[in-house]
Amino acid sequence: MTDAPPNRRRSAWARARELAERTPESRNRYVDLLRALSISAVVFGHWLIAAPSVRDGELQLEHMLSVSPWTQGLTWLFQVMPVFFIVGGYSNAASWEAARRGGGGYGVWVGARLRRLTGPVVPLLLVWALIALFARALGASPAMIRIGSQAALVPLWFLAVYVLVVVLAPPTRAAWRRFGIASFWALAAAAVLVDLARFGLGLVWLGWANYLFVWLAVHQLGYLWRDGRIAGPARALPWGVGGLALLLGLVTVGGYPHSMVGVPGEEVSNTLPPSLAMLALGLAQGGLLLALERPARRWLAGTGAWAATILVNGMIMSVYLWHLTAMILVIAAANALGGFGLGPQPGSATWWATRPVWMALLAAVLFLMLLVVGRFERLGDAASPAALPAWRAVLGAALFCAGLALLALQGIGSDGAPGVRFGVLALALAGAGLVGGISLGGRRSVSGA
């Protein structure tokens, strides 16, 4: 009698528990928890601030930060991209150090990193190109396609920046090793000078430089964490309190917007491009969260909590990329059904009372989508040992980021036939192709840093 073949269709939870039981004690599990929590907060925040409604038979796409200005205060909690960049700094430092110890160079490391980031984006771009083509063929207006696709592809701005940060991670880590915390303060000082020129001298165009200065500075805080120099409340809380004090000063005295997310109709934004207020928010969030690291790591020592964290992280990229597409499709379906469920006035008591149902519906639709698209998050990256030449890494990342930035700003729809901005789409796909993101390679572990 032969042994039964292993069950290849085990539940995701069973696989997560198996990985949890094999995780070495040396792994800092709090890094993974913060990654999962930060992306989850972004998803919840995006779903909450969207305020679609149907009035007089017309679909209205409003923004809760404009409808109910008091909600702008919630952005201090739900704008957690700084946390993700801090986590990225820690993870990139750990991964780069491991690669160096194993004899790997920049090409192997950055190739694996870029494949992991670019691969899952390609299906999203192709799907939206098809949606735009079919919508145009069915008579949808170019403006509606542009607005819908832009709303769905907004998350790409983060990847556009983060890919550049990853390409620069080895040299920024080297700068940290040589100059220590001075490398952070130099970037912070550059961000201050950019804001002074932007707001004081009217050099608005210069503000875009802070996409690098602000986010690289926040990324350096991940190195501070990796080296154990912000461990424990005694070290972390001063950073958090100082950042919070700076943030309060900037919005109350310095004239910076109160919202940490762009508000439609307002000329100045803390995110487009990022301002000094965003850096202050990163200091506040990072310091306060890292003060909780020790009790959180004790909790994560339990198999159940850690397995749940692994499970979420195993699909976190797909959740981030597709959560707004799920919302746009639900809105389109509701509108096609005569505005079913879109009757309550945004901001009204009825509207707020229906938010739990709205969130549950979006989560259910996203879950169904993940059953199809989640596989792309597990395809071809770190399992491939092929080194990526530096010129391909830089050129590919530049093309990919340029394409993503333009899609996030303006959507994929065009006014002319056939209704798709194929030139911009080609930029992103060419970049992904150069770094190997268009691939059907091997699988990776969901617990990879």
Protein backbone atom coordinates (compact mmCIF):
# COMPACT_ATOMS: atom_id res chain seq x y z
CA MET A 1 0.00 0.00 0.00
CA THR A 2 1.52 3.31 -1.05
CA ASP A 3 1.37 6.50 0.93
CA ALA A 4 -1.26 9.02 -0.11
CA PRO A 5 0.11 11.98 -2.06
CA PRO A 6 0.46 15.21 -0.09
CA ASN A 7 -2.52 17.52 -0.17
CA ARG A 8 -1.60 20.32 -2.53
CA ARG A 9 -4.80 22.22 -1.84
CA ARG A 10 -4.37 22.88 1.82
CA SER A 11 -6.12 25.93 3.15
CA ALA A 12 -4.27 29.22 3.18
CA TRP A 13 -4.59 29.21 6.97
CA ALA A 14 -2.95 25.77 7.23
CA ARG A 15 -0.04 26.95 5.08
CA ALA A 16 0.29 30.11 7.17
CA ARG A 17 0.38 28.10 10.39
CA GLU A 18 3.05 25.82 8.95
CA LEU A 19 5.17 28.83 8.02
CA ALA A 20 4.56 30.33 11.46
CA GLU A 21 5.82 27.19 13.18
CA ARG A 22 8.98 27.24 11.05
CA THR A 23 9.76 30.92 11.60
CA PRO A 24 13.08 31.42 13.44
CA GLU A 25 13.01 33.28 16.75
CA SER A 26 15.45 35.85 15.35
CA ARG A 27 12.87 37.30 12.96
CA ASN A 28 11.38 40.63 13.99
CA ARG A 29 7.72 39.82 13.49
CA TYR A 30 6.63 43.33 14.38
CA VAL A 31 7.94 44.47 10.98
CA ASP A 32 5.43 42.20 9.26
CA LEU A 33 2.61 43.24 11.59
CA LEU A 34 3.17 46.94 10.87
CA ARG A 35 3.25 46.24 7.14
CA ALA A 36 -0.08 44.42 7.33
CA LEU A 37 -1.69 47.03 9.58
CA SER A 38 -0.52 49.99 7.51
CA ILE A 39 -1.86 48.63 4.22
CA SER A 40 -5.10 47.57 5.90
CA ALA A 41 -5.51 51.10 7.25
CA VAL A 42 -4.98 52.54 3.77
CA VAL A 43 -7.65 50.25 2.31
CA PHE A 44 -10.16 51.08 5.05
CA GLY A 45 -9.42 54.79 4.71
CA HIS A 46 -9.88 54.80 0.94
CA TRP A 47 -13.17 52.96 1.21
CA LEU A 48 -14.36 55.35 3.91
CA ILE A 49 -13.56 58.68 2.23
CA ALA A 50 -15.22 57.69 -1.06
CA ALA A 51 -18.76 59.08 -1.08
CA PRO A 52 -20.64 57.95 -4.21
CA SER A 53 -24.33 58.77 -4.46
CA VAL A 54 -27.07 59.07 -7.07
CA ARG A 55 -29.06 62.30 -7.17
CA ASP A 56 -31.64 63.17 -9.80
CA GLY A 57 -30.60 60.07 -11.68
CA GLU A 58 -26.94 61.17 -11.93
CA LEU A 59 -23.98 59.46 -10.30
CA GLN A 60 -22.06 61.82 -8.02
CA LEU A 61 -18.54 60.93 -6.87
CA GLU A 62 -17.84 63.03 -3.80
CA HIS A 63 -15.04 63.04 -1.25
CA MET A 64 -15.80 62.83 2.46
CA LEU A 65 -12.92 65.16 3.32
CA SER A 66 -14.81 67.86 1.41
CA VAL A 67 -18.33 66.83 2.40
CA SER A 68 -17.54 66.59 6.13
CA PRO A 69 -14.34 68.57 6.88
CA TRP A 70 -14.17 67.15 10.41
CA THR A 71 -13.09 63.84 8.85
CA GLN A 72 -9.78 65.44 7.85
CA GLY A 73 -8.58 64.76 11.37
CA LEU A 74 -8.94 61.03 10.72
CA THR A 75 -6.20 61.26 8.10
CA TRP A 76 -3.65 61.54 10.90
CA LEU A 77 -4.55 57.93 11.69
CA PHE A 78 -5.27 56.51 8.25
CA GLN A 79 -2.47 58.16 6.26
CA VAL A 80 0.08 55.53 7.24
CA MET A 81 2.33 55.46 4.20
CA PRO A 82 5.14 56.82 6.40
CA VAL A 83 4.87 53.63 8.49
CA PHE A 84 5.24 51.54 5.35
CA PHE A 85 8.40 53.42 4.35
CA ILE A 86 9.86 52.91 7.82
CA VAL A 87 9.06 49.21 7.57
CA GLY A 88 10.58 49.24 4.09
CA GLY A 89 13.80 50.71 5.44
CA TYR A 90 14.08 47.97 8.04
CA SER A 91 13.23 45.19 5.55
CA ASN A 92 15.52 46.50 2.82
CA ALA A 93 18.41 46.79 5.25
CA ALA A 94 17.86 43.25 6.54
CA SER A 95 17.49 41.81 3.04
CA TRP A 96 20.51 43.67 1.64
CA GLU A 97 22.69 42.58 4.56
CA ALA A 98 21.60 38.95 4.10
CA ALA A 99 22.41 39.16 0.39
CA ARG A 100 25.85 40.55 1.10
CA ARG A 101 26.56 37.82 3.65
CA GLY A 102 25.56 35.23 1.06
CA GLY A 103 27.91 36.69 -1.53
CA GLY A 104 25.21 38.33 -3.60
CA GLY A 105 25.71 41.70 -5.18
CA TYR A 106 23.52 44.63 -6.14
CA GLY A 107 22.29 43.03 -9.36
CA VAL A 108 20.92 39.89 -7.72
CA TRP A 109 19.36 41.78 -4.80
CA VAL A 110 17.74 44.61 -6.72
CA GLY A 111 16.55 42.21 -9.43
CA ALA A 112 14.66 40.09 -6.91
CA ARG A 113 13.27 43.17 -5.18
CA LEU A 114 12.06 44.81 -8.38
CA ARG A 115 10.49 41.62 -9.72
CA ARG A 116 8.51 41.31 -6.51
CA LEU A 117 7.24 44.89 -6.81
CA THR A 118 6.54 45.10 -10.54
CA GLY A 119 5.13 41.66 -11.30
CA PRO A 120 1.74 42.02 -9.53
CA VAL A 121 1.15 45.44 -11.14
CA VAL A 122 1.15 44.18 -14.73
CA PRO A 123 -2.20 42.31 -14.52
CA LEU A 124 -3.84 45.38 -12.98
CA LEU A 125 -2.68 47.58 -15.86
CA LEU A 126 -3.81 45.11 -18.50
CA VAL A 127 -7.21 44.66 -16.86
CA TRP A 128 -7.78 48.41 -16.77
CA ALA A 129 -6.72 48.74 -20.39
CA LEU A 130 -9.41 46.18 -21.29
CA ILE A 131 -11.98 47.90 -19.06
CA ALA A 132 -11.28 51.22 -20.78
CA LEU A 133 -11.55 49.67 -24.25
CA PHE A 134 -14.85 47.90 -23.53
CA ALA A 135 -16.33 50.87 -21.68
CA ARG A 136 -15.52 53.14 -24.60
CA ALA A 137 -17.00 50.64 -27.05
CA LEU A 138 -20.18 50.53 -24.95
CA GLY A 139 -20.55 54.29 -25.11
CA ALA A 140 -19.04 55.44 -21.81
CA SER A 141 -17.69 58.99 -21.98
CA PRO A 142 -13.90 59.51 -22.00
CA ALA A 143 -14.25 61.71 -18.92
CA MET A 144 -16.01 58.96 -16.95
CA ILE A 145 -13.40 56.37 -17.97
CA ARG A 146 -10.60 58.76 -17.04
CA ILE A 147 -12.12 59.57 -13.63
CA GLY A 148 -12.90 55.95 -12.81
CA SER A 149 -9.51 54.61 -13.85
CA GLN A 150 -7.66 57.40 -12.10
CA ALA A 151 -9.57 56.68 -8.89
CA ALA A 152 -8.72 52.98 -9.17
CA LEU A 153 -5.05 53.53 -10.05
CA VAL A 154 -4.25 56.17 -7.41
CA PRO A 155 -2.35 53.58 -5.28
CA LEU A 156 0.27 53.38 -8.02
CA TRP A 157 1.82 56.66 -6.84
CA PHE A 158 3.21 54.86 -3.81
CA LEU A 159 4.83 52.13 -5.88
CA ALA A 160 6.30 54.72 -8.23
CA VAL A 161 8.15 56.27 -5.29
CA TYR A 162 8.92 53.06 -3.44
CA VAL A 163 10.55 51.43 -6.47
CA LEU A 164 12.98 54.36 -6.69
CA VAL A 165 13.67 54.09 -2.95
CA VAL A 166 14.47 50.38 -3.39
CA VAL A 167 16.88 51.07 -6.25
CA LEU A 168 18.63 53.58 -4.00
CA ALA A 169 18.54 51.40 -0.88
CA PRO A 170 22.11 50.02 -1.07
CA PRO A 171 23.71 53.49 -1.43
CA THR A 172 21.44 54.99 1.24
CA ARG A 173 22.32 52.10 3.55
CA ALA A 174 26.01 52.77 2.85
CA ALA A 175 25.42 56.44 3.70
CA TRP A 176 23.80 55.37 6.94
CA ARG A 177 26.76 53.17 7.86
CA ARG A 178 29.17 56.02 7.21
CA PHE A 179 27.27 59.02 8.55
CA GLY A 180 24.64 57.47 10.82
CA ILE A 181 21.73 59.67 11.85
CA ALA A 182 23.33 62.60 10.01
CA SER A 183 22.17 60.96 6.77
CA PHE A 184 18.59 61.35 7.98
CA TRP A 185 19.04 64.95 9.09
CA ALA A 186 20.63 65.87 5.76
CA LEU A 187 17.57 64.60 3.88
CA ALA A 188 15.25 66.29 6.39
CA ALA A 189 17.12 69.57 5.92
CA ALA A 190 16.77 69.23 2.15
CA ALA A 191 13.01 68.72 2.61
CA VAL A 192 12.85 71.89 4.72
CA LEU A 193 14.70 73.91 2.07
CA VAL A 194 12.41 72.60 -0.65
CA ASP A 195 9.33 73.65 1.32
CA LEU A 196 10.83 77.08 1.99
CA ALA A 197 11.38 77.53 -1.74
CA ARG A 198 7.96 76.11 -2.57
CA PHE A 199 5.93 78.23 -0.17
CA GLY A 200 8.24 81.18 0.50
CA LEU A 201 9.62 81.84 -2.97
CA GLY A 202 6.75 80.47 -5.02
CA LEU A 203 8.89 77.79 -6.68
CA VAL A 204 6.02 75.32 -6.76
CA TRP A 205 7.75 73.03 -9.26
CA LEU A 206 10.61 72.45 -6.81
CA GLY A 207 8.20 70.85 -4.36
CA TRP A 208 8.23 67.65 -6.42
CA ALA A 209 11.78 67.02 -5.23
CA ASN A 210 10.32 66.15 -1.86
CA TYR A 211 9.00 62.90 -3.26
CA LEU A 212 12.58 61.74 -2.82
CA PHE A 213 13.79 63.86 0.12
CA VAL A 214 10.78 63.20 2.38
CA TRP A 215 10.35 59.51 1.63
CA LEU A 216 14.08 58.76 1.67
CA ALA A 217 14.31 60.49 5.06
CA VAL A 218 11.45 58.37 6.41
CA HIS A 219 13.11 55.29 4.89
CA GLN A 220 16.31 56.13 6.81
CA LEU A 221 14.32 55.84 10.04
CA GLY A 222 13.94 52.16 9.17
CA TYR A 223 17.72 51.90 9.32
CA LEU A 224 17.65 53.55 12.74
CA TRP A 225 15.20 50.86 13.83
CA ARG A 226 17.20 48.06 12.22
CA ASP A 227 20.29 49.09 14.18
CA GLY A 228 18.39 49.05 17.47
CA ARG A 229 18.79 52.77 18.11
CA ILE A 230 15.10 53.48 18.54
CA ALA A 231 14.19 50.38 20.55
CA GLY A 232 11.97 50.70 23.61
CA PRO A 233 9.76 53.53 24.85
CA ALA A 234 12.67 55.54 26.29
CA ARG A 235 14.19 55.93 22.83
CA ALA A 236 11.12 55.80 20.63
CA LEU A 237 8.75 58.13 22.48
CA PRO A 238 10.94 61.27 22.16
CA TRP A 239 10.85 60.81 18.37
CA GLY A 240 7.09 60.32 18.45
CA VAL A 241 6.37 63.25 20.75
CA GLY A 242 8.79 65.49 18.85
CA GLY A 243 7.21 64.59 15.53
CA LEU A 244 3.72 65.19 16.87
CA ALA A 245 4.74 68.58 18.30
CA LEU A 246 6.30 69.55 14.97
CA LEU A 247 3.19 68.45 13.10
CA LEU A 248 0.89 70.43 15.37
CA GLY A 249 3.09 73.50 14.93
CA LEU A 250 3.12 73.18 11.15
CA VAL A 251 -0.67 72.95 10.81
CA THR A 252 -1.58 75.51 13.48
CA VAL A 253 1.16 78.11 13.03
CA GLY A 254 2.94 77.22 9.80
CA GLY A 255 -0.15 77.25 7.64
CA TYR A 256 0.16 73.68 6.39
CA PRO A 257 -3.10 71.87 5.52
CA HIS A 258 -4.72 70.00 8.37
CA SER A 259 -5.44 66.95 6.21
CA MET A 260 -2.66 64.44 5.56
CA VAL A 261 -4.45 63.47 2.34
CA GLY A 262 -5.15 65.75 -0.60
CA VAL A 263 -8.57 67.42 -0.41
CA PRO A 264 -10.37 68.16 -3.71
CA GLY A 265 -10.51 71.89 -4.37
CA GLU A 266 -7.64 72.85 -2.06
CA GLU A 267 -4.60 74.35 -3.76
CA VAL A 268 -2.02 73.02 -1.27
CA SER A 269 -1.62 69.35 -0.38
CA ASN A 270 0.63 67.58 2.10
CA THR A 271 0.90 64.60 -0.24
CA LEU A 272 0.99 65.95 -3.79
CA PRO A 273 3.88 66.57 -3.43
CA PRO A 274 4.76 65.49 0.12
CA SER A 275 5.53 68.32 2.50
CA LEU A 276 7.46 68.71 5.73
CA ALA A 277 4.18 67.89 7.50
CA MET A 278 4.33 64.38 6.03
CA LEU A 279 7.83 63.92 7.41
CA ALA A 280 6.61 65.10 10.82
CA LEU A 281 3.73 62.62 10.61
CA GLY A 282 6.25 59.86 9.91
CA LEU A 283 8.28 60.81 12.99
CA ALA A 284 5.14 60.85 15.14
CA GLN A 285 3.73 57.57 13.87
CA GLY A 286 7.09 55.79 13.86
CA GLY A 287 8.06 56.86 17.35
CA LEU A 288 4.70 56.03 18.91
CA LEU A 289 4.39 52.65 17.19
CA LEU A 290 7.95 51.58 17.93
CA ALA A 291 7.36 52.36 21.60
CA LEU A 292 4.92 49.43 21.49
CA GLU A 293 7.34 47.01 19.85
CA ARG A 294 8.22 44.86 22.88
CA PRO A 295 4.66 43.96 23.97
CA ALA A 296 3.67 43.47 20.32
CA ARG A 297 6.54 41.03 19.75
CA ARG A 298 5.54 39.07 22.85
CA TRP A 299 2.02 38.78 21.45
CA LEU A 300 3.33 37.74 18.03
CA ALA A 301 5.29 34.92 19.63
CA GLY A 302 1.99 33.01 19.69
CA THR A 303 1.41 30.81 16.65
CA GLY A 304 -2.13 32.08 15.98
CA ALA A 305 -1.28 35.78 15.93
CA TRP A 306 1.82 35.24 13.85
CA ALA A 307 0.04 32.92 11.39
CA ALA A 308 -2.66 35.57 10.88
CA THR A 309 0.05 38.15 10.17
CA ILE A 310 1.70 35.83 7.64
CA LEU A 311 -1.65 35.18 5.98
CA VAL A 312 -2.36 38.90 5.51
CA ASN A 313 1.17 39.66 4.31
CA GLY A 314 0.95 36.88 1.75
CA MET A 315 -1.69 38.83 -0.19
CA ILE A 316 -1.01 42.39 0.97
CA MET A 317 0.29 43.61 -2.40
CA SER A 318 -2.79 42.33 -4.19
CA VAL A 319 -5.10 43.86 -1.58
CA TYR A 320 -3.40 47.22 -1.99
CA LEU A 321 -3.40 47.18 -5.78
CA TRP A 322 -6.96 45.95 -6.32
CA HIS A 323 -9.00 47.41 -3.44
CA LEU A 324 -10.02 50.54 -5.34
CA THR A 325 -10.76 48.56 -8.48
CA ALA A 326 -13.18 46.50 -6.40
CA MET A 327 -14.82 49.70 -5.18
CA ILE A 328 -15.13 51.21 -8.68
CA LEU A 329 -16.72 48.02 -10.02
CA VAL A 330 -19.23 47.96 -7.14
CA ILE A 331 -20.13 51.61 -7.78
CA ALA A 332 -20.52 50.96 -11.51
CA ALA A 333 -22.75 47.93 -10.85
CA ALA A 334 -24.89 49.85 -8.35
CA ASN A 335 -25.28 52.72 -10.80
CA ALA A 336 -26.25 50.31 -13.57
CA LEU A 337 -28.96 48.93 -11.25
CA GLY A 338 -30.55 52.35 -10.99
CA GLY A 339 -28.45 53.63 -8.11
CA PHE A 340 -29.25 50.72 -5.81
CA GLY A 341 -27.66 51.41 -2.41
CA LEU A 342 -26.40 54.84 -3.47
CA GLY A 343 -29.38 56.85 -2.25
CA PRO A 344 -28.24 58.15 1.17
CA GLN A 345 -26.80 61.66 1.22
CA PRO A 346 -23.04 61.44 1.97
CA GLY A 347 -22.34 62.55 5.52
CA SER A 348 -25.91 62.01 6.72
CA ALA A 349 -26.82 59.77 9.65
CA THR A 350 -28.21 57.20 7.23
CA TRP A 351 -25.04 57.27 5.17
CA TRP A 352 -22.86 56.61 8.23
CA ALA A 353 -25.21 53.87 9.44
CA THR A 354 -24.81 52.04 6.14
CA ARG A 355 -20.98 52.17 6.14
CA PRO A 356 -20.55 48.75 7.82
CA VAL A 357 -22.65 47.16 5.07
CA TRP A 358 -20.69 49.11 2.43
CA MET A 359 -17.37 47.93 3.86
CA ALA A 360 -18.54 44.33 4.07
CA LEU A 361 -19.71 44.39 0.45
CA LEU A 362 -16.42 45.83 -0.79
CA ALA A 363 -14.45 43.30 1.25
CA ALA A 364 -16.49 40.43 -0.21
CA VAL A 365 -15.95 41.62 -3.78
CA LEU A 366 -12.24 42.14 -3.16
CA PHE A 367 -11.97 38.64 -1.68
CA LEU A 368 -13.50 37.14 -4.81
CA MET A 369 -11.10 39.13 -6.95
CA LEU A 370 -8.13 37.94 -4.89
CA LEU A 371 -9.03 34.34 -5.68
CA VAL A 372 -8.15 35.19 -9.29
CA VAL A 373 -5.43 37.83 -9.08
CA GLY A 374 -3.72 36.75 -5.85
CA ARG A 375 -1.64 34.16 -7.68
CA PHE A 376 0.33 36.89 -9.44
CA GLU A 377 1.74 38.01 -6.10
CA ARG A 378 3.36 34.59 -5.70
CA LEU A 379 4.88 34.36 -9.16
CA GLY A 380 8.46 34.81 -10.16
CA ASP A 381 10.81 36.87 -8.07
CA ALA A 382 13.28 35.92 -5.37
CA ALA A 383 13.45 32.30 -6.51
CA SER A 384 15.32 33.42 -9.63
CA PRO A 385 19.06 33.88 -9.02
CA ALA A 386 19.69 35.88 -12.20
CA ALA A 387 21.53 39.14 -11.60
CA LEU A 388 20.08 42.32 -13.05
CA PRO A 389 22.63 44.69 -14.63
CA ALA A 390 22.66 48.05 -12.90
CA TRP A 391 21.74 49.93 -16.09
CA ARG A 392 18.66 47.74 -16.55
CA ALA A 393 17.63 48.23 -12.94
CA VAL A 394 17.90 52.01 -13.17
CA LEU A 395 16.37 52.36 -16.65
CA GLY A 396 13.62 49.84 -15.96
CA ALA A 397 12.73 51.45 -12.64
CA ALA A 398 12.68 54.92 -14.24
CA LEU A 399 10.35 53.85 -17.05
CA PHE A 400 8.11 51.88 -14.72
CA CYS A 401 7.86 54.72 -12.22
CA ALA A 402 7.18 57.32 -14.92
CA GLY A 403 4.35 55.21 -16.31
CA LEU A 404 2.82 54.56 -12.89
CA ALA A 405 3.03 58.22 -11.88
CA LEU A 406 1.23 59.36 -15.04
CA LEU A 407 -1.46 56.70 -14.63
CA ALA A 408 -2.00 57.62 -10.99
CA LEU A 409 -2.33 61.30 -11.89
CA GLN A 410 -4.50 61.06 -15.01
CA GLY A 411 -5.90 57.54 -15.33
CA ILE A 412 -5.66 55.23 -18.31
CA GLY A 413 -8.46 56.63 -20.48
CA SER A 414 -7.86 58.99 -23.40
CA ASP A 415 -10.15 61.31 -25.36
CA GLY A 416 -9.09 59.93 -28.72
CA ALA A 417 -9.70 56.50 -30.21
CA PRO A 418 -9.46 53.77 -29.06
CA GLY A 419 -9.75 55.26 -25.56
CA VAL A 420 -6.55 54.06 -23.89
CA ARG A 421 -3.31 55.93 -23.25
CA PHE A 422 -1.19 53.22 -24.79
CA GLY A 423 1.97 55.32 -24.71
CA VAL A 424 1.84 55.70 -20.93
CA LEU A 425 0.86 52.06 -20.51
CA ALA A 426 3.84 51.06 -22.67
CA LEU A 427 6.20 53.01 -20.40
CA ALA A 428 5.14 51.01 -17.36
CA LEU A 429 5.15 47.67 -19.18
CA ALA A 430 8.55 48.34 -20.74
CA GLY A 431 9.98 49.13 -17.33
CA ALA A 432 8.49 45.97 -15.86
CA GLY A 433 9.89 43.97 -18.75
CA LEU A 434 13.39 45.35 -18.29
CA VAL A 435 13.52 44.36 -14.62
CA GLY A 436 11.91 40.96 -15.19
CA GLY A 437 8.54 41.79 -13.71
CA ILE A 438 6.75 40.23 -16.70
CA SER A 439 7.59 36.65 -15.84
CA LEU A 440 6.12 33.30 -14.90
CA GLY A 441 8.94 32.22 -12.62
CA GLY A 442 8.93 30.29 -9.39
CA ARG A 443 7.02 30.89 -6.21
CA ARG A 444 8.20 32.64 -3.10
CA SER A 445 7.42 32.32 0.55
CA VAL A 446 4.67 34.54 1.86
CA SER A 447 6.78 35.34 4.86
CA GLY A 448 9.67 36.90 2.97
CA ALA A 449 10.90 40.20 4.35
